[in-house]
Protein backbone atom coordinates (compact mmCIF):
# COMPACT_ATOMS: atom_id res chain seq x y z
CA MET A 1 10.86 95.59 68.26
CA ALA A 2 12.40 92.47 67.38
CA ARG A 3 9.73 89.74 66.48
CA TYR A 4 10.58 85.95 67.66
CA LEU A 5 9.20 83.48 65.51
CA PRO A 6 9.44 79.80 67.08
CA THR A 7 11.11 76.68 65.84
CA LEU A 8 8.97 73.56 65.74
CA SER A 9 10.68 71.10 67.91
CA THR A 10 9.33 67.82 70.36
CA GLN A 11 9.98 67.09 73.95
CA SER A 12 8.57 64.37 76.14
CA ALA A 13 7.98 64.96 79.65
CA ASN A 14 10.73 63.54 82.40
CA ASN A 15 10.09 63.23 85.54
CA LYS A 16 12.27 60.37 86.91
CA GLN A 17 13.39 61.38 90.03
CA LEU A 18 11.56 64.63 90.46
CA THR A 19 9.50 63.53 93.47
CA SER A 20 12.70 62.48 95.20
CA TRP A 21 14.66 65.80 94.22
CA MET A 22 11.88 68.10 95.44
CA HIS A 23 11.66 66.60 98.77
CA CYS A 24 15.09 66.82 99.48
CA CYS A 25 14.93 70.57 98.27
CA ILE A 26 11.93 70.95 100.87
CA LEU A 27 14.05 69.52 104.22
CA LEU A 28 16.94 71.66 103.26
CA LEU A 29 14.94 74.45 103.17
CA GLY A 30 13.87 73.48 106.76
CA ILE A 31 18.13 73.56 107.75
CA ALA A 32 18.78 76.68 105.54
CA ALA A 33 16.56 78.77 104.03
CA PHE A 34 17.15 81.59 102.07
CA PHE A 35 16.29 84.68 103.67
CA PRO A 36 17.56 88.28 103.00
CA VAL A 37 20.61 89.25 104.91
CA CYS A 38 21.31 91.97 107.56
CA ASP A 39 22.90 94.97 107.30
CA ALA A 40 25.70 96.95 109.92
CA ASN A 41 23.14 97.56 112.03
CA GLY A 42 21.34 93.88 111.96
CA VAL A 43 18.24 95.63 110.18
CA LEU A 44 16.77 93.49 107.50
CA ARG A 45 18.16 93.79 104.32
CA PRO A 46 16.07 93.09 100.44
CA LEU A 47 17.85 90.49 98.55
CA VAL A 48 16.41 93.33 95.79
CA SER A 49 15.66 96.64 95.15
CA ALA A 50 11.89 95.59 94.27
CA LEU A 51 9.29 93.37 92.89
CA PHE A 52 7.04 93.73 89.90
CA CYS A 53 4.37 91.97 89.05
CA PHE A 54 2.36 91.02 85.62
CA GLY A 55 -0.03 88.54 85.14
CA ASP A 56 -3.40 87.08 85.36
CA SER A 57 -5.09 85.34 88.38
CA THR A 58 -2.46 83.35 89.40
CA ALA A 59 -0.39 87.02 90.31
CA ASP A 60 -3.53 89.23 90.94
CA THR A 61 -3.51 90.88 94.17
CA GLY A 62 -6.64 92.93 93.97
CA THR A 63 -6.47 94.46 90.78
CA ASN A 64 -9.55 93.82 89.68
CA THR A 65 -11.35 94.86 92.09
CA TYR A 66 -10.77 98.34 90.79
CA LEU A 67 -12.08 97.46 87.32
CA THR A 68 -15.62 98.67 86.21
CA SER A 69 -17.38 94.95 85.21
CA PRO A 70 -14.46 93.24 85.59
CA ALA A 71 -14.21 89.47 83.90
CA PHE A 72 -13.37 87.91 87.11
CA LEU A 73 -13.81 88.82 90.97
CA ALA A 74 -12.65 87.22 94.21
CA ASN A 75 -13.75 89.98 96.25
CA PHE A 76 -16.11 88.04 98.47
CA SER A 77 -16.14 85.35 101.52
CA PRO A 78 -14.83 82.44 101.45
CA TYR A 79 -11.51 84.07 99.61
CA GLY A 80 -8.69 84.87 101.92
CA GLU A 81 -9.83 83.16 104.57
CA THR A 82 -6.66 81.43 105.56
CA PHE A 83 -3.69 84.32 105.78
CA PHE A 84 -5.94 87.66 105.49
CA ASN A 85 -9.03 86.47 107.39
CA LYS A 86 -11.01 88.43 104.67
CA PRO A 87 -11.34 88.71 100.99
CA THR A 88 -8.61 90.69 99.34
CA GLY A 89 -8.90 90.06 95.65
CA ARG A 90 -6.59 87.30 95.41
CA PHE A 91 -8.10 83.93 93.76
CA CYS A 92 -7.03 81.73 96.91
CA ASP A 93 -7.44 80.97 100.41
CA GLY A 94 -4.65 82.86 101.42
CA ARG A 95 -1.42 83.97 99.82
CA LEU A 96 -0.35 83.77 96.38
CA PHE A 97 2.92 82.65 95.17
CA VAL A 98 3.92 86.41 94.33
CA ASP A 99 3.12 87.25 98.28
CA PHE A 100 5.57 84.30 99.38
CA LEU A 101 7.96 85.49 96.69
CA ALA A 102 7.94 89.06 98.17
CA GLN A 103 8.51 88.01 101.75
CA GLN A 104 11.70 85.36 100.63
CA LEU A 105 13.46 88.54 99.10
CA GLY A 106 12.23 90.91 102.07
CA LEU A 107 10.17 92.75 100.39
CA PRO A 108 6.25 93.97 101.65
CA LEU A 109 3.48 92.41 100.22
CA LEU A 110 2.67 93.97 96.31
CA ARG A 111 -0.09 96.38 96.02
CA PRO A 112 -2.23 96.75 93.18
CA PHE A 113 -0.97 99.43 90.84
CA LEU A 114 -5.01 100.50 90.31
CA GLU A 115 -5.30 101.11 94.11
CA PRO A 116 -6.73 104.28 94.69
CA GLY A 117 -4.03 106.76 96.39
CA PHE A 118 -1.60 103.90 96.12
CA ASN A 119 1.89 105.30 94.52
CA ASN A 120 4.94 104.45 96.57
CA TYR A 121 6.63 102.23 94.24
CA TYR A 122 10.21 102.22 95.57
CA ARG A 123 9.67 98.64 96.45
CA GLY A 124 7.41 97.77 93.69
CA VAL A 125 3.81 96.70 92.74
CA ASN A 126 1.38 94.80 91.16
CA PHE A 127 -0.15 95.30 87.68
CA ALA A 128 -1.40 91.09 87.28
CA SER A 129 -5.45 91.29 86.50
CA ALA A 130 -7.46 87.73 86.65
CA GLY A 131 -8.45 86.65 83.00
CA SER A 132 -5.14 88.98 81.32
CA GLY A 133 -3.57 87.13 78.91
CA PHE A 134 -0.85 88.16 76.24
CA LEU A 135 -2.91 87.98 72.89
CA PRO A 136 -5.14 90.86 72.46
CA SER A 137 -7.89 87.92 71.19
CA THR A 138 -8.17 87.08 74.91
CA LYS A 139 -9.01 90.59 76.18
CA THR A 140 -11.42 90.69 73.15
CA PHE A 141 -13.30 87.10 74.01
CA LEU A 142 -13.88 87.96 77.77
CA ALA A 143 -15.00 91.43 76.91
CA GLY A 144 -17.68 90.30 74.22
CA THR A 145 -18.68 87.50 77.21
CA LEU A 146 -17.75 88.19 80.85
CA GLY A 147 -16.24 91.43 81.79
CA THR A 148 -13.04 93.76 81.53
CA VAL A 149 -9.70 92.58 82.14
CA VAL A 150 -6.05 94.30 81.92
CA ASN A 151 -3.88 92.34 79.47
CA ILE A 152 -0.01 92.30 79.54
CA GLN A 153 0.10 94.96 77.20
CA GLU A 154 -1.77 97.84 79.17
CA GLN A 155 0.35 96.37 82.05
CA LEU A 156 3.56 97.05 80.55
CA GLN A 157 1.85 100.53 79.88
CA GLN A 158 1.15 100.72 83.77
CA PHE A 159 4.72 99.90 84.17
CA MET A 160 5.68 102.74 82.17
CA GLN A 161 3.88 105.71 83.99
CA VAL A 162 5.54 104.11 87.19
CA LYS A 163 8.93 104.66 85.88
CA ALA A 164 8.30 108.08 84.69
CA ASN A 165 7.07 108.46 88.29
CA LEU A 166 10.49 107.12 89.73
CA GLU A 167 12.18 109.43 87.45
CA SER A 168 10.81 112.28 88.90
CA ARG A 169 11.17 111.45 92.24
CA MET A 170 14.69 109.61 91.72
CA GLY A 171 16.27 111.37 88.53
CA LEU A 172 17.21 108.85 85.84
CA LYS A 173 20.06 107.46 87.36
CA ASP A 174 18.73 106.18 90.39
CA THR A 175 15.61 104.85 88.98
CA SER A 176 17.92 103.09 86.27
CA PHE A 177 19.89 101.31 88.73
CA LEU A 178 16.83 100.16 91.14
CA LEU A 179 15.14 98.76 87.84
CA LYS A 180 18.10 96.75 87.09
CA ARG A 181 18.41 95.47 90.63
CA SER A 182 14.60 94.28 90.84
CA ILE A 183 12.79 91.14 90.11
CA TYR A 184 10.02 91.21 87.45
CA LEU A 185 6.98 88.18 87.88
CA VAL A 186 5.66 87.51 84.51
CA SER A 187 2.80 84.99 85.14
CA SER A 188 0.70 84.37 82.17
CA ALA A 189 -0.46 82.36 79.39
CA SER A 190 -3.07 79.51 80.52
CA ASN A 191 -5.77 82.73 79.65
CA ASP A 192 -4.42 82.89 76.27
CA ALA A 193 -4.89 78.92 75.74
CA ILE A 194 -8.13 78.66 76.81
CA TYR A 195 -9.88 81.95 75.62
CA SER A 196 -7.81 82.42 72.49
CA PHE A 197 -7.50 78.90 71.50
CA LEU A 198 -9.69 76.34 73.16
CA LEU A 199 -12.98 78.05 73.41
CA ASN A 200 -11.96 79.89 70.20
CA GLN A 201 -10.60 77.39 67.95
CA THR A 202 -9.82 79.59 64.59
CA THR A 203 -6.58 78.18 63.80
CA THR A 204 -3.80 75.53 64.29
CA PRO A 205 -2.43 74.50 67.50
CA GLU A 206 1.15 75.06 65.78
CA ASP A 207 -0.19 78.57 64.76
CA PHE A 208 -1.81 79.63 67.99
CA ILE A 209 1.64 78.80 70.00
CA SER A 210 3.36 80.72 67.71
CA ARG A 211 1.47 83.26 67.80
CA LEU A 212 1.87 83.74 71.82
CA ILE A 213 5.33 82.67 71.68
CA VAL A 214 5.65 86.04 69.58
CA GLU A 215 3.57 88.16 72.15
CA ILE A 216 5.99 86.58 75.33
CA GLY A 217 8.80 87.40 72.96
CA ASN A 218 7.68 91.04 72.84
CA THR A 219 7.09 91.17 76.64
CA TYR A 220 10.52 90.10 77.37
CA VAL A 221 11.73 92.54 74.93
CA ALA A 222 9.58 95.50 75.83
CA LEU A 223 10.74 94.44 79.82
CA TYR A 224 14.11 94.63 79.03
CA ASN A 225 14.18 98.13 76.71
CA LEU A 226 11.99 99.83 80.26
CA GLY A 227 15.19 98.80 82.33
CA ALA A 228 14.30 94.71 83.44
CA ARG A 229 17.58 92.33 83.76
CA LYS A 230 15.71 90.08 85.92
CA VAL A 231 12.57 88.17 84.99
CA ILE A 232 10.90 85.32 85.92
CA GLY A 233 8.72 83.69 83.67
CA THR A 234 6.47 80.42 84.16
CA ALA A 235 5.68 77.68 82.10
CA LEU A 236 2.00 76.33 81.39
CA GLY A 237 1.05 74.01 83.95
CA PRO A 238 -0.98 70.55 83.21
CA ILE A 239 -3.85 72.68 82.69
CA GLY A 240 -5.94 69.77 81.26
CA CYS A 241 -5.90 68.77 85.20
CA ILE A 242 -7.52 71.49 86.90
CA PRO A 243 -11.05 70.95 88.26
CA SER A 244 -12.90 73.09 85.65
CA ILE A 245 -11.38 71.47 82.66
CA ARG A 246 -11.20 67.71 84.41
CA GLY A 247 -14.77 68.18 84.80
CA LEU A 248 -15.50 68.21 80.81
CA SER A 249 -13.76 65.07 80.39
CA ALA A 250 -16.01 62.29 79.91
CA GLY A 251 -14.20 59.81 82.65
CA GLY A 252 -13.32 62.48 84.69
CA SER A 253 -9.38 62.15 83.80
CA CYS A 254 -7.10 65.15 82.99
CA LEU A 255 -7.72 66.55 79.08
CA ALA A 256 -4.91 65.10 77.32
CA THR A 257 -5.49 67.19 74.19
CA VAL A 258 -5.19 70.97 76.55
CA ASN A 259 -2.02 69.14 78.37
CA ASP A 260 -0.54 68.33 74.78
CA LEU A 261 -0.83 72.09 74.21
CA ALA A 262 0.50 73.15 76.91
CA LEU A 263 3.75 70.59 76.70
CA ALA A 264 3.76 71.87 73.03
CA PHE A 265 3.97 75.47 74.24
CA ASN A 266 6.83 74.86 76.91
CA VAL A 267 8.91 73.39 74.34
CA GLN A 268 8.85 76.41 72.58
CA LEU A 269 9.12 78.92 75.21
CA ASP A 270 12.47 76.93 76.06
CA ALA A 271 13.87 77.77 72.82
CA LEU A 272 12.85 81.71 73.05
CA GLN A 273 14.64 81.51 76.85
CA ALA A 274 17.86 80.42 74.59
CA ARG A 275 17.35 82.67 71.48
CA LEU A 276 16.59 85.82 74.40
CA LYS A 277 19.85 84.94 75.87
CA GLU A 278 21.85 85.10 72.96
CA GLN A 279 20.82 87.94 71.73
CA LEU A 280 20.28 90.05 74.76
CA PRO A 281 23.44 88.56 76.82
CA ASP A 282 23.03 90.63 80.18
CA PHE A 283 19.09 89.84 80.13
CA ASN A 284 18.88 87.06 82.99
CA LEU A 285 15.73 85.00 82.16
CA ILE A 286 14.93 81.77 84.50
CA ILE A 287 11.37 80.14 83.83
CA ALA A 288 9.23 78.11 86.39
CA ASN A 289 8.75 74.72 85.71
CA ASN A 290 5.08 74.92 86.81
CA TYR A 291 3.69 71.67 84.71
CA ASP A 292 6.47 68.87 86.17
CA ILE A 293 5.68 70.32 89.65
CA PHE A 294 1.67 70.06 89.59
CA ASN A 295 1.79 67.05 88.03
CA GLU A 296 3.73 65.40 91.25
CA PHE A 297 1.21 67.24 93.28
CA ILE A 298 -1.94 66.19 91.45
CA PHE A 299 -0.50 62.28 91.06
CA ASN A 300 1.82 62.01 93.83
CA GLY A 301 1.09 64.43 96.27
CA THR A 302 0.48 62.07 99.36
CA SER A 303 4.42 62.34 100.33
CA PHE A 304 3.69 66.64 100.27
CA GLY A 305 0.36 66.27 102.45
CA PHE A 306 -2.00 66.28 99.62
CA THR A 307 -4.56 63.56 98.99
CA MET A 308 -7.32 65.41 97.51
CA GLY A 309 -5.54 66.29 93.71
CA SER A 310 -8.15 66.05 91.07
CA THR A 311 -11.18 67.99 93.37
CA ALA A 312 -10.80 71.71 94.46
CA CYS A 313 -11.88 72.66 98.21
CA CYS A 314 -14.47 75.12 97.14
CA GLY A 315 -17.02 74.85 94.40
CA ALA A 316 -19.97 72.72 92.93
CA GLY A 317 -20.67 69.83 90.32
CA PRO A 318 -17.88 67.29 89.38
CA PHE A 319 -14.53 67.76 91.10
CA ASN A 320 -15.88 70.72 92.24
CA GLY A 321 -14.94 72.27 89.02
CA ALA A 322 -18.54 73.87 87.97
CA ILE A 323 -18.64 76.85 88.79
CA GLN A 324 -16.11 79.27 91.02
CA CYS A 325 -16.64 79.03 94.61
CA GLY A 326 -18.82 81.15 96.06
CA THR A 327 -20.88 81.82 93.48
CA THR A 328 -24.43 80.37 91.82
CA ASN A 329 -26.29 79.73 87.96
CA SER A 330 -28.85 78.29 86.77
CA ASN A 331 -27.59 74.66 87.75
CA PHE A 332 -25.91 75.64 90.99
CA ASN A 333 -27.34 77.44 93.76
CA SER A 334 -24.51 77.01 96.35
CA THR A 335 -21.08 75.92 96.52
CA THR A 336 -19.30 73.92 99.19
CA LEU A 337 -16.35 74.38 101.07
CA CYS A 338 -14.04 71.93 102.64
CA SER A 339 -13.15 72.38 106.16
CA LYS A 340 -9.91 74.09 107.41
CA ALA A 341 -8.73 71.05 108.90
CA GLN A 342 -9.06 69.45 105.52
CA LEU A 343 -7.48 72.47 103.36
CA SER A 344 -3.86 71.31 103.69
CA LYS A 345 -4.97 68.07 101.55
CA TYR A 346 -6.60 70.12 98.78
CA VAL A 347 -3.77 71.24 95.72
CA PHE A 348 -6.73 73.57 94.31
CA PHE A 349 -8.82 75.84 96.66
CA ASP A 350 -11.08 76.58 93.58
CA ASN A 351 -12.16 75.19 90.32
CA ASN A 352 -9.25 76.87 88.73
CA HIS A 353 -6.58 78.40 91.33
CA PRO A 354 -4.01 76.48 93.95
CA THR A 355 -4.16 76.71 97.55
CA GLU A 356 -1.94 78.80 99.62
CA LYS A 357 -0.32 75.57 100.85
CA THR A 358 0.46 74.90 96.74
CA TYR A 359 1.58 78.30 96.18
CA GLY A 360 3.82 78.42 99.19
CA LEU A 361 5.45 75.43 97.89
CA LEU A 362 5.86 76.27 94.65
CA ALA A 363 7.61 79.50 96.01
CA GLN A 364 10.35 77.46 98.19
CA MET A 365 11.30 75.39 95.49
CA PHE A 366 11.42 77.77 92.96
CA MET A 367 13.48 79.93 95.15
CA THR A 368 16.29 77.85 96.16
CA GLY A 369 15.69 74.44 93.47
CA GLY A 370 17.49 72.76 90.95
CA ALA A 371 17.03 72.46 86.98
CA LYS A 372 14.07 70.42 87.04
CA VAL A 373 12.33 73.08 88.75
CA VAL A 374 13.41 76.45 87.26
CA LYS A 375 16.00 76.82 85.10
CA PRO A 376 18.82 78.00 84.04
CA PHE A 377 19.29 78.42 87.93
CA ASN A 378 16.77 79.70 90.61
CA VAL A 379 15.37 82.97 92.43
CA SER A 380 17.81 82.86 94.93
CA THR A 381 20.75 83.07 92.24
CA LEU A 382 18.50 85.68 89.69
CA ALA A 383 18.32 87.86 92.78
CA LEU A 384 22.16 88.16 93.14
CA CYS A 385 23.09 88.40 89.46
CA ASP A 386 24.52 91.82 88.36
C-alpha cells in the first residue's frame, strides 16, 4: 500500500464573504433543494446506490452501544430528544450530518454494523465509533484510560466483511457496480488531535500531522482498493473553540494553539487530496471545510439564529464543557439542559458535539455549496460522478 508523506506548507484562513455566500446557499436551498429523482413510475430513486460511513462520535449512529466497556456512550437522556424522542446512541439531540446526508440522497438512515441481526447492506451501513481515530495510538490511549472504541482500521475490516457478504449475495460484478456508485463518508481526526497529541505529547506538531496524514492517505487508498470511487473527507474544525476545550483556557477564549494545529493539519489534508487526484484519477475525493463554517456559526452566528456559540446546551462548569451531558463526576453532581424553545440558538448540544440544527445546516451547505464550503465540488456533484 502506498505511503503518503506530506509536504510542509503554510496557509492563512480566509473567511471574507463566507457568511454572505453561506446565506445565499441557504436561501437557494429553500427554492431549489437537491432532492432524489423519481423514476418513470413516480417512485423516488436514490441518487446513489448506498452510503457507507466511517468515523467517530460525529457520525456514530449507535455503534458504541454494542461494545463491551466503550470509551464513550450516548444511550441515555437527553440525547435524541429532538428528532427520535429517545436516545439512539447518537451524540446529539437529534440527527447527525450523516443522517441528513442519507435523507438528502434518498437513502434510509444508516444502522450500525454491530447491531445484532442486521445484515441488509444494500443501501449502506455505519461503522463509525465514538472516540475512534486513524492513529493506533488514539485507541491505545483510550483503552488505558476510558474504554474501547472501534478505530478506523477496524472499521475498514468490517467493511471488508460487508463487501464479502454482498459478493456472496449479488456476485462480484453487481457488488463492484454497487460499491462504485456509492458514497463513503469518513469523519474523523479530532480524537487523534486530542488523545494522540494534546493529551499525550511525545512528538512535535509537524511530526504528529505527518503521521496522521499518512494514516489518512492509507485509509483512502484502502477504500479505493475495495471499490470506493466517491469519498467525502472532513477537515478539522476549530476544536480549540469547542466547550470542553474552551473551558480550559484562562480567559475563556478559544485555545489558539489547538486551532493552529487544526489549520496546519488542514493544509496538509489539502495537499494529500491533490496528490491522490494525480495518482488515482478516477478517485473522487471531496473535502468538507468544517473550520471556516464552524467559525462562522460560533462568531457570526446570529444571522443563522445562533446566539450561543461558546456554551453548550447541556453540561456543567465553564461553557457547560466540564463534563458530558447527563453525567456526573466528583465535581458536578448534575448537568443543566437548555429548554427546547432555546435549543435552536445553540451551536453545540453537549461539551463536544453540535446540535441537530448545526448538523442540518452543514448538510445543506455540503450538498449544494461552492468551493468555500467543500472542494473541489459539492456532494450533489459527487453523487453524479461516474
